[in-house]
PDB file of all heavy atoms in Angstrom:
ATOM      1  N   GLY A   1       0.787  -1.214   0.000  1.00  0.00           N
ATOM      2  CA  GLY A   1       0.000   0.000   0.000  1.00  0.00           C
ATOM      3  C   GLY A   1       0.821   1.267   0.000  1.00  0.00           C
ATOM      4  O   GLY A   1       0.263   2.358  -0.191  1.00  0.00           O
ATOM      5  N   GLY A   2       2.112   1.140   0.200  1.00  0.00           N
ATOM      6  CA  GLY A   2       2.983   2.293   0.230  1.00  0.00           C
ATOM      7  C   GLY A   2       3.402   2.744  -1.155  1.00  0.00           C
ATOM      8  O   GLY A   2       2.967   2.203  -2.174  1.00  0.00           O
ATOM      9  N   SER A   3       4.282   3.737  -1.173  1.00  0.00           N
ATOM     10  CA  SER A   3       4.727   4.340  -2.427  1.00  0.00           C
ATOM     11  C   SER A   3       6.235   4.485  -2.463  1.00  0.00           C
ATOM     12  O   SER A   3       6.893   4.641  -1.424  1.00  0.00           O
ATOM     13  CB  SER A   3       4.099   5.724  -2.619  1.00  0.00           C
ATOM     14  OG  SER A   3       2.685   5.651  -2.687  1.00  0.00           O
ATOM     15  N   LEU A   4       6.774   4.438  -3.653  1.00  0.00           N
ATOM     16  CA  LEU A   4       8.171   4.722  -3.914  1.00  0.00           C
ATOM     17  C   LEU A   4       8.275   5.485  -5.218  1.00  0.00           C
ATOM     18  O   LEU A   4       7.425   5.338  -6.098  1.00  0.00           O
ATOM     19  CB  LEU A   4       9.008   3.445  -4.020  1.00  0.00           C
ATOM     20  CG  LEU A   4       9.386   2.702  -2.741  1.00  0.00           C
ATOM     21  CD1 LEU A   4      10.085   1.394  -3.097  1.00  0.00           C
ATOM     22  CD2 LEU A   4      10.281   3.550  -1.858  1.00  0.00           C
ATOM     23  N   ARG A   5       9.331   6.267  -5.331  1.00  0.00           N
ATOM     24  CA  ARG A   5       9.599   6.987  -6.561  1.00  0.00           C
ATOM     25  C   ARG A   5      11.004   6.644  -7.027  1.00  0.00           C
ATOM     26  O   ARG A   5      11.983   6.935  -6.332  1.00  0.00           O
ATOM     27  CB  ARG A   5       9.469   8.491  -6.369  1.00  0.00           C
ATOM     28  CG  ARG A   5       9.639   9.301  -7.657  1.00  0.00           C
ATOM     29  CD  ARG A   5       9.390  10.781  -7.410  1.00  0.00           C
ATOM     30  NE  ARG A   5       9.577  11.594  -8.604  1.00  0.00           N
ATOM     31  CZ  ARG A   5       8.661  11.806  -9.533  1.00  0.00           C
ATOM     32  NH1 ARG A   5       7.455  11.252  -9.411  1.00  0.00           N
ATOM     33  NH2 ARG A   5       8.918  12.570 -10.588  1.00  0.00           N
ATOM     34  N   LEU A   6      11.099   6.025  -8.181  1.00  0.00           N
ATOM     35  CA  LEU A   6      12.374   5.674  -8.771  1.00  0.00           C
ATOM     36  C   LEU A   6      12.799   6.751  -9.764  1.00  0.00           C
ATOM     37  O   LEU A   6      11.969   7.319 -10.464  1.00  0.00           O
ATOM     38  CB  LEU A   6      12.303   4.334  -9.492  1.00  0.00           C
ATOM     39  CG  LEU A   6      11.820   3.126  -8.693  1.00  0.00           C
ATOM     40  CD1 LEU A   6      11.872   1.873  -9.567  1.00  0.00           C
ATOM     41  CD2 LEU A   6      12.648   2.944  -7.431  1.00  0.00           C
ATOM     42  N   SER A   7      14.097   6.986  -9.825  1.00  0.00           N
ATOM     43  CA  SER A   7      14.645   7.935 -10.771  1.00  0.00           C
ATOM     44  C   SER A   7      15.814   7.301 -11.502  1.00  0.00           C
ATOM     45  O   SER A   7      16.502   6.429 -10.967  1.00  0.00           O
ATOM     46  CB  SER A   7      15.112   9.218 -10.070  1.00  0.00           C
ATOM     47  OG  SER A   7      14.029   9.900  -9.476  1.00  0.00           O
ATOM     48  N   CYS A   8      16.033   7.745 -12.712  1.00  0.00           N
ATOM     49  CA  CYS A   8      17.138   7.251 -13.522  1.00  0.00           C
ATOM     50  C   CYS A   8      17.713   8.410 -14.309  1.00  0.00           C
ATOM     51  O   CYS A   8      16.974   9.110 -15.013  1.00  0.00           O
ATOM     52  CB  CYS A   8      16.669   6.143 -14.464  1.00  0.00           C
ATOM     53  SG  CYS A   8      17.905   5.599 -15.663  1.00  0.00           S
ATOM     54  N   ALA A   9      19.007   8.600 -14.198  1.00  0.00           N
ATOM     55  CA  ALA A   9      19.690   9.665 -14.907  1.00  0.00           C
ATOM     56  C   ALA A   9      20.654   9.079 -15.930  1.00  0.00           C
ATOM     57  O   ALA A   9      21.480   8.228 -15.591  1.00  0.00           O
ATOM     58  CB  ALA A   9      20.442  10.566 -13.934  1.00  0.00           C
ATOM     59  N   ALA A  10      20.533   9.521 -17.154  1.00  0.00           N
ATOM     60  CA  ALA A  10      21.440   9.111 -18.218  1.00  0.00           C
ATOM     61  C   ALA A  10      22.524  10.161 -18.383  1.00  0.00           C
ATOM     62  O   ALA A  10      22.242  11.361 -18.419  1.00  0.00           O
ATOM     63  CB  ALA A  10      20.690   8.928 -19.532  1.00  0.00           C
ATOM     64  N   SER A  11      23.752   9.712 -18.485  1.00  0.00           N
ATOM     65  CA  SER A  11      24.867  10.636 -18.638  1.00  0.00           C
ATOM     66  C   SER A  11      25.853  10.088 -19.657  1.00  0.00           C
ATOM     67  O   SER A  11      25.849   8.901 -19.982  1.00  0.00           O
ATOM     68  CB  SER A  11      25.571  10.880 -17.299  1.00  0.00           C
ATOM     69  OG  SER A  11      26.120   9.683 -16.785  1.00  0.00           O
ATOM     70  N   GLY A  12      26.715  10.961 -20.143  1.00  0.00           N
ATOM     71  CA  GLY A  12      27.691  10.591 -21.140  1.00  0.00           C
ATOM     72  C   GLY A  12      27.574  11.474 -22.363  1.00  0.00           C
ATOM     73  O   GLY A  12      26.934  12.524 -22.341  1.00  0.00           O
ATOM     74  N   SER A  13      28.187  11.033 -23.437  1.00  0.00           N
ATOM     75  CA  SER A  13      28.183  11.802 -24.683  1.00  0.00           C
ATOM     76  C   SER A  13      26.897  11.521 -25.461  1.00  0.00           C
ATOM     77  O   SER A  13      26.903  10.880 -26.516  1.00  0.00           O
ATOM     78  CB  SER A  13      29.416  11.445 -25.512  1.00  0.00           C
ATOM     79  OG  SER A  13      29.510  12.264 -26.669  1.00  0.00           O
ATOM     80  N   ILE A  14      25.795  12.019 -24.938  1.00  0.00           N
ATOM     81  CA  ILE A  14      24.473  11.728 -25.483  1.00  0.00           C
ATOM     82  C   ILE A  14      24.048  12.805 -26.463  1.00  0.00           C
ATOM     83  O   ILE A  14      24.006  13.985 -26.125  1.00  0.00           O
ATOM     84  CB  ILE A  14      23.441  11.595 -24.358  1.00  0.00           C
ATOM     85  CG1 ILE A  14      23.816  10.451 -23.419  1.00  0.00           C
ATOM     86  CG2 ILE A  14      22.052  11.376 -24.947  1.00  0.00           C
ATOM     87  CD1 ILE A  14      22.962  10.380 -22.179  1.00  0.00           C
ATOM     88  N   PHE A  15      23.700  12.379 -27.662  1.00  0.00           N
ATOM     89  CA  PHE A  15      23.203  13.296 -28.677  1.00  0.00           C
ATOM     90  C   PHE A  15      21.688  13.422 -28.610  1.00  0.00           C
ATOM     91  O   PHE A  15      21.150  14.527 -28.675  1.00  0.00           O
ATOM     92  CB  PHE A  15      23.642  12.837 -30.065  1.00  0.00           C
ATOM     93  CG  PHE A  15      23.095  13.673 -31.185  1.00  0.00           C
ATOM     94  CD1 PHE A  15      23.646  14.909 -31.469  1.00  0.00           C
ATOM     95  CD2 PHE A  15      22.027  13.238 -31.952  1.00  0.00           C
ATOM     96  CE1 PHE A  15      23.153  15.701 -32.493  1.00  0.00           C
ATOM     97  CE2 PHE A  15      21.522  14.011 -32.985  1.00  0.00           C
ATOM     98  CZ  PHE A  15      22.087  15.243 -33.252  1.00  0.00           C
ATOM     99  N   SER A  16      21.012  12.296 -28.484  1.00  0.00           N
ATOM    100  CA  SER A  16      19.559  12.313 -28.475  1.00  0.00           C
ATOM    101  C   SER A  16      19.036  11.038 -27.825  1.00  0.00           C
ATOM    102  O   SER A  16      19.603   9.973 -28.013  1.00  0.00           O
ATOM    103  CB  SER A  16      19.024  12.431 -29.907  1.00  0.00           C
ATOM    104  OG  SER A  16      17.611  12.432 -29.934  1.00  0.00           O
ATOM    105  N   ILE A  17      17.954  11.160 -27.079  1.00  0.00           N
ATOM    106  CA  ILE A  17      17.308  10.022 -26.454  1.00  0.00           C
ATOM    107  C   ILE A  17      15.924   9.825 -27.050  1.00  0.00           C
ATOM    108  O   ILE A  17      15.130  10.764 -27.102  1.00  0.00           O
ATOM    109  CB  ILE A  17      17.183  10.198 -24.929  1.00  0.00           C
ATOM    110  CG1 ILE A  17      18.558  10.378 -24.294  1.00  0.00           C
ATOM    111  CG2 ILE A  17      16.466   9.003 -24.308  1.00  0.00           C
ATOM    112  CD1 ILE A  17      18.515  10.596 -22.801  1.00  0.00           C
ATOM    113  N   ASP A  18      15.664   8.619 -27.501  1.00  0.00           N
ATOM    114  CA  ASP A  18      14.345   8.267 -28.016  1.00  0.00           C
ATOM    115  C   ASP A  18      13.444   7.908 -26.830  1.00  0.00           C
ATOM    116  O   ASP A  18      13.075   8.787 -26.055  1.00  0.00           O
ATOM    117  CB  ASP A  18      14.475   7.124 -29.023  1.00  0.00           C
ATOM    118  CG  ASP A  18      13.158   6.785 -29.697  1.00  0.00           C
ATOM    119  OD1 ASP A  18      12.180   7.541 -29.533  1.00  0.00           O
ATOM    120  OD2 ASP A  18      13.097   5.755 -30.394  1.00  0.00           O
ATOM    121  N   TYR A  19      13.116   6.655 -26.670  1.00  0.00           N
ATOM    122  CA  TYR A  19      12.265   6.283 -25.547  1.00  0.00           C
ATOM    123  C   TYR A  19      13.095   5.916 -24.327  1.00  0.00           C
ATOM    124  O   TYR A  19      14.262   5.555 -24.427  1.00  0.00           O
ATOM    125  CB  TYR A  19      11.306   5.141 -25.915  1.00  0.00           C
ATOM    126  CG  TYR A  19      11.954   3.791 -26.127  1.00  0.00           C
ATOM    127  CD1 TYR A  19      12.298   2.989 -25.045  1.00  0.00           C
ATOM    128  CD2 TYR A  19      12.179   3.312 -27.409  1.00  0.00           C
ATOM    129  CE1 TYR A  19      12.873   1.747 -25.236  1.00  0.00           C
ATOM    130  CE2 TYR A  19      12.749   2.074 -27.607  1.00  0.00           C
ATOM    131  CZ  TYR A  19      13.093   1.296 -26.526  1.00  0.00           C
ATOM    132  OH  TYR A  19      13.661   0.062 -26.717  1.00  0.00           O
ATOM    133  N   MET A  20      12.465   6.011 -23.177  1.00  0.00           N
ATOM    134  CA  MET A  20      13.044   5.577 -21.920  1.00  0.00           C
ATOM    135  C   MET A  20      12.008   4.702 -21.226  1.00  0.00           C
ATOM    136  O   MET A  20      10.813   4.848 -21.459  1.00  0.00           O
ATOM    137  CB  MET A  20      13.418   6.763 -21.033  1.00  0.00           C
ATOM    138  CG  MET A  20      14.352   7.756 -21.700  1.00  0.00           C
ATOM    139  SD  MET A  20      14.907   9.095 -20.600  1.00  0.00           S
ATOM    140  CE  MET A  20      16.187   8.227 -19.669  1.00  0.00           C
ATOM    141  N   GLY A  21      12.478   3.801 -20.397  1.00  0.00           N
ATOM    142  CA  GLY A  21      11.524   2.917 -19.771  1.00  0.00           C
ATOM    143  C   GLY A  21      12.050   2.235 -18.538  1.00  0.00           C
ATOM    144  O   GLY A  21      13.222   2.365 -18.166  1.00  0.00           O
ATOM    145  N   TRP A  22      11.140   1.525 -17.893  1.00  0.00           N
ATOM    146  CA  TRP A  22      11.449   0.728 -16.718  1.00  0.00           C
ATOM    147  C   TRP A  22      11.003  -0.707 -16.948  1.00  0.00           C
ATOM    148  O   TRP A  22       9.887  -0.953 -17.419  1.00  0.00           O
ATOM    149  CB  TRP A  22      10.749   1.276 -15.468  1.00  0.00           C
ATOM    150  CG  TRP A  22      11.287   2.593 -15.010  1.00  0.00           C
ATOM    151  CD1 TRP A  22      10.832   3.826 -15.342  1.00  0.00           C
ATOM    152  CD2 TRP A  22      12.387   2.794 -14.118  1.00  0.00           C
ATOM    153  NE1 TRP A  22      11.577   4.791 -14.712  1.00  0.00           N
ATOM    154  CE2 TRP A  22      12.537   4.188 -13.958  1.00  0.00           C
ATOM    155  CE3 TRP A  22      13.255   1.938 -13.446  1.00  0.00           C
ATOM    156  CZ2 TRP A  22      13.527   4.739 -13.145  1.00  0.00           C
ATOM    157  CZ3 TRP A  22      14.240   2.489 -12.642  1.00  0.00           C
ATOM    158  CH2 TRP A  22      14.366   3.873 -12.498  1.00  0.00           C
ATOM    159  N   TYR A  23      11.869  -1.634 -16.619  1.00  0.00           N
ATOM    160  CA  TYR A  23      11.580  -3.051 -16.635  1.00  0.00           C
ATOM    161  C   TYR A  23      11.858  -3.609 -15.245  1.00  0.00           C
ATOM    162  O   TYR A  23      12.571  -2.992 -14.450  1.00  0.00           O
ATOM    163  CB  TYR A  23      12.432  -3.782 -17.673  1.00  0.00           C
ATOM    164  CG  TYR A  23      12.080  -3.458 -19.108  1.00  0.00           C
ATOM    165  CD1 TYR A  23      12.465  -2.255 -19.685  1.00  0.00           C
ATOM    166  CD2 TYR A  23      11.370  -4.366 -19.887  1.00  0.00           C
ATOM    167  CE1 TYR A  23      12.143  -1.959 -20.998  1.00  0.00           C
ATOM    168  CE2 TYR A  23      11.051  -4.081 -21.201  1.00  0.00           C
ATOM    169  CZ  TYR A  23      11.442  -2.876 -21.753  1.00  0.00           C
ATOM    170  OH  TYR A  23      11.132  -2.586 -23.053  1.00  0.00           O
ATOM    171  N   ARG A  24      11.305  -4.769 -14.976  1.00  0.00           N
ATOM    172  CA  ARG A  24      11.581  -5.397 -13.693  1.00  0.00           C
ATOM    173  C   ARG A  24      11.719  -6.905 -13.863  1.00  0.00           C
ATOM    174  O   ARG A  24      11.184  -7.492 -14.799  1.00  0.00           O
ATOM    175  CB  ARG A  24      10.488  -5.084 -12.669  1.00  0.00           C
ATOM    176  CG  ARG A  24       9.135  -5.707 -12.966  1.00  0.00           C
ATOM    177  CD  ARG A  24       8.089  -5.205 -11.991  1.00  0.00           C
ATOM    178  NE  ARG A  24       6.801  -5.844 -12.179  1.00  0.00           N
ATOM    179  CZ  ARG A  24       5.691  -5.485 -11.558  1.00  0.00           C
ATOM    180  NH1 ARG A  24       5.720  -4.482 -10.680  1.00  0.00           N
ATOM    181  NH2 ARG A  24       4.557  -6.130 -11.789  1.00  0.00           N
ATOM    182  N   GLN A  25      12.435  -7.502 -12.934  1.00  0.00           N
ATOM    183  CA  GLN A  25      12.639  -8.935 -12.953  1.00  0.00           C
ATOM    184  C   GLN A  25      12.655  -9.457 -11.529  1.00  0.00           C
ATOM    185  O   GLN A  25      13.478  -9.039 -10.712  1.00  0.00           O
ATOM    186  CB  GLN A  25      13.940  -9.292 -13.666  1.00  0.00           C
ATOM    187  CG  GLN A  25      14.135 -10.790 -13.861  1.00  0.00           C
ATOM    188  CD  GLN A  25      15.267 -11.104 -14.816  1.00  0.00           C
ATOM    189  OE1 GLN A  25      16.134 -10.269 -15.072  1.00  0.00           O
ATOM    190  NE2 GLN A  25      15.269 -12.310 -15.355  1.00  0.00           N
ATOM    191  N   ALA A  26      11.737 -10.356 -11.245  1.00  0.00           N
ATOM    192  CA  ALA A  26      11.671 -11.008  -9.953  1.00  0.00           C
ATOM    193  C   ALA A  26      12.432 -12.326 -10.018  1.00  0.00           C
ATOM    194  O   ALA A  26      12.605 -12.895 -11.102  1.00  0.00           O
ATOM    195  CB  ALA A  26      10.217 -11.249  -9.553  1.00  0.00           C
ATOM    196  N   PRO A  27      12.884 -12.841  -8.888  1.00  0.00           N
ATOM    197  CA  PRO A  27      13.607 -14.116  -8.886  1.00  0.00           C
ATOM    198  C   PRO A  27      12.799 -15.225  -9.548  1.00  0.00           C
ATOM    199  O   PRO A  27      11.626 -15.421  -9.240  1.00  0.00           O
ATOM    200  CB  PRO A  27      13.822 -14.398  -7.398  1.00  0.00           C
ATOM    201  CG  PRO A  27      13.832 -13.042  -6.760  1.00  0.00           C
ATOM    202  CD  PRO A  27      12.817 -12.252  -7.533  1.00  0.00           C
ATOM    203  N   GLY A  28      13.430 -15.932 -10.468  1.00  0.00           N
ATOM    204  CA  GLY A  28      12.770 -17.017 -11.161  1.00  0.00           C
ATOM    205  C   GLY A  28      11.798 -16.588 -12.233  1.00  0.00           C
ATOM    206  O   GLY A  28      11.130 -17.450 -12.822  1.00  0.00           O
ATOM    207  N   GLN A  29      11.697 -15.300 -12.492  1.00  0.00           N
ATOM    208  CA  GLN A  29      10.760 -14.782 -13.478  1.00  0.00           C
ATOM    209  C   GLN A  29      11.498 -14.111 -14.625  1.00  0.00           C
ATOM    210  O   GLN A  29      12.659 -13.728 -14.505  1.00  0.00           O
ATOM    211  CB  GLN A  29       9.798 -13.785 -12.829  1.00  0.00           C
ATOM    212  CG  GLN A  29       9.020 -14.338 -11.654  1.00  0.00           C
ATOM    213  CD  GLN A  29       8.071 -15.440 -12.066  1.00  0.00           C
ATOM    214  OE1 GLN A  29       7.407 -15.341 -13.095  1.00  0.00           O
ATOM    215  NE2 GLN A  29       8.012 -16.490 -11.268  1.00  0.00           N
ATOM    216  N   GLU A  30      10.798 -13.979 -15.729  1.00  0.00           N
ATOM    217  CA  GLU A  30      11.351 -13.269 -16.864  1.00  0.00           C
ATOM    218  C   GLU A  30      11.227 -11.770 -16.666  1.00  0.00           C
ATOM    219  O   GLU A  30      10.349 -11.288 -15.952  1.00  0.00           O
ATOM    220  CB  GLU A  30      10.636 -13.676 -18.158  1.00  0.00           C
ATOM    221  CG  GLU A  30      10.826 -15.128 -18.552  1.00  0.00           C
ATOM    222  CD  GLU A  30      10.161 -15.457 -19.869  1.00  0.00           C
ATOM    223  OE1 GLU A  30       9.439 -14.600 -20.403  1.00  0.00           O
ATOM    224  OE2 GLU A  30      10.369 -16.567 -20.368  1.00  0.00           O
ATOM    225  N   ARG A  31      12.113 -11.041 -17.300  1.00  0.00           N
ATOM    226  CA  ARG A  31      12.043  -9.591 -17.259  1.00  0.00           C
ATOM    227  C   ARG A  31      10.787  -9.117 -17.981  1.00  0.00           C
ATOM    228  O   ARG A  31      10.447  -9.622 -19.060  1.00  0.00           O
ATOM    229  CB  ARG A  31      13.284  -8.992 -17.910  1.00  0.00           C
ATOM    230  CG  ARG A  31      13.362  -7.472 -17.826  1.00  0.00           C
ATOM    231  CD  ARG A  31      14.647  -6.974 -18.443  1.00  0.00           C
ATOM    232  NE  ARG A  31      14.736  -7.338 -19.856  1.00  0.00           N
ATOM    233  CZ  ARG A  31      15.812  -7.153 -20.605  1.00  0.00           C
ATOM    234  NH1 ARG A  31      16.912  -6.623 -20.068  1.00  0.00           N
ATOM    235  NH2 ARG A  31      15.800  -7.511 -21.881  1.00  0.00           N
ATOM    236  N   GLU A  32      10.097  -8.149 -17.409  1.00  0.00           N
ATOM    237  CA  GLU A  32       8.875  -7.651 -18.002  1.00  0.00           C
ATOM    238  C   GLU A  32       8.860  -6.129 -18.039  1.00  0.00           C
ATOM    239  O   GLU A  32       9.477  -5.458 -17.213  1.00  0.00           O
ATOM    240  CB  GLU A  32       7.649  -8.153 -17.230  1.00  0.00           C
ATOM    241  CG  GLU A  32       7.563  -7.638 -15.802  1.00  0.00           C
ATOM    242  CD  GLU A  32       6.287  -8.070 -15.097  1.00  0.00           C
ATOM    243  OE1 GLU A  32       5.362  -8.564 -15.768  1.00  0.00           O
ATOM    244  OE2 GLU A  32       6.216  -7.912 -13.860  1.00  0.00           O
ATOM    245  N   LEU A  33       8.129  -5.611 -18.997  1.00  0.00           N
ATOM    246  CA  LEU A  33       7.965  -4.168 -19.116  1.00  0.00           C
ATOM    247  C   LEU A  33       7.090  -3.645 -17.991  1.00  0.00           C
ATOM    248  O   LEU A  33       6.018  -4.179 -17.714  1.00  0.00           O
ATOM    249  CB  LEU A  33       7.335  -3.819 -20.463  1.00  0.00           C
ATOM    250  CG  LEU A  33       6.925  -2.349 -20.636  1.00  0.00           C
ATOM    251  CD1 LEU A  33       8.153  -1.453 -20.742  1.00  0.00           C
ATOM    252  CD2 LEU A  33       6.034  -2.174 -21.863  1.00  0.00           C
ATOM    253  N   VAL A  34       7.545  -2.591 -17.356  1.00  0.00           N
ATOM    254  CA  VAL A  34       6.745  -1.877 -16.371  1.00  0.00           C
ATOM    255  C   VAL A  34       6.083  -0.672 -17.025  1.00  0.00           C
ATOM    256  O   VAL A  34       4.863  -0.515 -16.986  1.00  0.00           O
ATOM    257  CB  VAL A  34       7.592  -1.431 -15.167  1.00  0.00           C
ATOM    258  CG1 VAL A  34       6.740  -0.645 -14.172  1.00  0.00           C
ATOM    259  CG2 VAL A  34       8.232  -2.640 -14.495  1.00  0.00           C
ATOM    260  N   ALA A  35       6.892   0.184 -17.624  1.00  0.00           N
ATOM    261  CA  ALA A  35       6.383   1.372 -18.278  1.00  0.00           C
ATOM    262  C   ALA A  35       7.437   1.932 -19.204  1.00  0.00           C
ATOM    263  O   ALA A  35       8.631   1.766 -18.977  1.00  0.00           O
ATOM    264  CB  ALA A  35       5.970   2.442 -17.247  1.00  0.00           C
ATOM    265  N   SER A  36       6.996   2.605 -20.242  1.00  0.00           N
ATOM    266  CA  SER A  36       7.908   3.285 -21.152  1.00  0.00           C
ATOM    267  C   SER A  36       7.310   4.617 -21.552  1.00  0.00           C
ATOM    268  O   SER A  36       6.095   4.830 -21.448  1.00  0.00           O
ATOM    269  CB  SER A  36       8.207   2.433 -22.391  1.00  0.00           C
ATOM    270  OG  SER A  36       7.045   2.243 -23.173  1.00  0.00           O
ATOM    271  N   ILE A  37       8.165   5.504 -22.022  1.00  0.00           N
ATOM    272  CA  ILE A  37       7.714   6.828 -22.433  1.00  0.00           C
ATOM    273  C   ILE A  37       8.562   7.291 -23.605  1.00  0.00           C
ATOM    274  O   ILE A  37       9.787   7.181 -23.597  1.00  0.00           O
ATOM    275  CB  ILE A  37       7.778   7.821 -21.245  1.00  0.00           C
ATOM    276  CG1 ILE A  37       7.238   9.187 -21.655  1.00  0.00           C
ATOM    277  CG2 ILE A  37       9.192   7.912 -20.679  1.00  0.00           C
ATOM    278  CD1 ILE A  37       7.006  10.110 -20.466  1.00  0.00           C
ATOM    279  N   SER A  38       7.917   7.799 -24.629  1.00  0.00           N
ATOM    280  CA  SER A  38       8.608   8.254 -25.816  1.00  0.00           C
ATOM    281  C   SER A  38       9.169   9.648 -25.608  1.00  0.00           C
ATOM    282  O   SER A  38       8.886  10.321 -24.619  1.00  0.00           O
ATOM    283  CB  SER A  38       7.662   8.249 -27.020  1.00  0.00           C
ATOM    284  OG  SER A  38       6.706   9.290 -26.909  1.00  0.00           O
ATOM    285  N   ALA A  39       9.971  10.090 -26.574  1.00  0.00           N
ATOM    286  CA  ALA A  39      10.524  11.437 -26.495  1.00  0.00           C
ATOM    287  C   ALA A  39       9.432  12.490 -26.464  1.00  0.00           C
ATOM    288  O   ALA A  39       9.603  13.555 -25.858  1.00  0.00           O
ATOM    289  CB  ALA A  39      11.467  11.686 -27.671  1.00  0.00           C
ATOM    290  N   GLY A  40       8.307  12.206 -27.119  1.00  0.00           N
ATOM    291  CA  GLY A  40       7.194  13.138 -27.144  1.00  0.00           C
ATOM    292  C   GLY A  40       6.240  13.012 -25.980  1.00  0.00           C
ATOM    293  O   GLY A  40       5.279  13.786 -25.888  1.00  0.00           O
ATOM    294  N   GLY A  41       6.462  12.042 -25.091  1.00  0.00           N
ATOM    295  CA  GLY A  41       5.642  11.906 -23.905  1.00  0.00           C
ATOM    296  C   GLY A  41       4.574  10.832 -23.963  1.00  0.00           C
ATOM    297  O   GLY A  41       3.785  10.706 -23.020  1.00  0.00           O
ATOM    298  N   THR A  42       4.523  10.051 -25.031  1.00  0.00           N
ATOM    299  CA  THR A  42       3.565   8.960 -25.113  1.00  0.00           C
ATOM    300  C   THR A  42       3.983   7.831 -24.178  1.00  0.00           C
ATOM    301  O   THR A  42       5.126   7.384 -24.208  1.00  0.00           O
ATOM    302  CB  THR A  42       3.456   8.433 -26.542  1.00  0.00           C
ATOM    303  OG1 THR A  42       3.042   9.491 -27.407  1.00  0.00           O
ATOM    304  CG2 THR A  42       2.447   7.297 -26.627  1.00  0.00           C
ATOM    305  N   THR A  43       3.057   7.362 -23.356  1.00  0.00           N
ATOM    306  CA  THR A  43       3.375   6.361 -22.343  1.00  0.00           C
ATOM    307  C   THR A  43       2.751   5.013 -22.655  1.00  0.00           C
ATOM    308  O   THR A  43       1.731   4.914 -23.352  1.00  0.00           O
ATOM    309  CB  THR A  43       2.904   6.820 -20.960  1.00  0.00           C
ATOM    310  OG1 THR A  43       1.491   7.066 -20.990  1.00  0.00           O
ATOM    311  CG2 THR A  43       3.618   8.100 -20.550  1.00  0.00           C
TER     312      THR A  43
END
């Protein structure tokens, strides 16, 4: 019932970023998509 806020910062010689996203993997499970967002904000 609680909340958390995850953040991710990309650094380096970056020219342009297309989509960004979050995936998760639990023990014994396959990696799955949590959420993604395009450069234009489509989620």
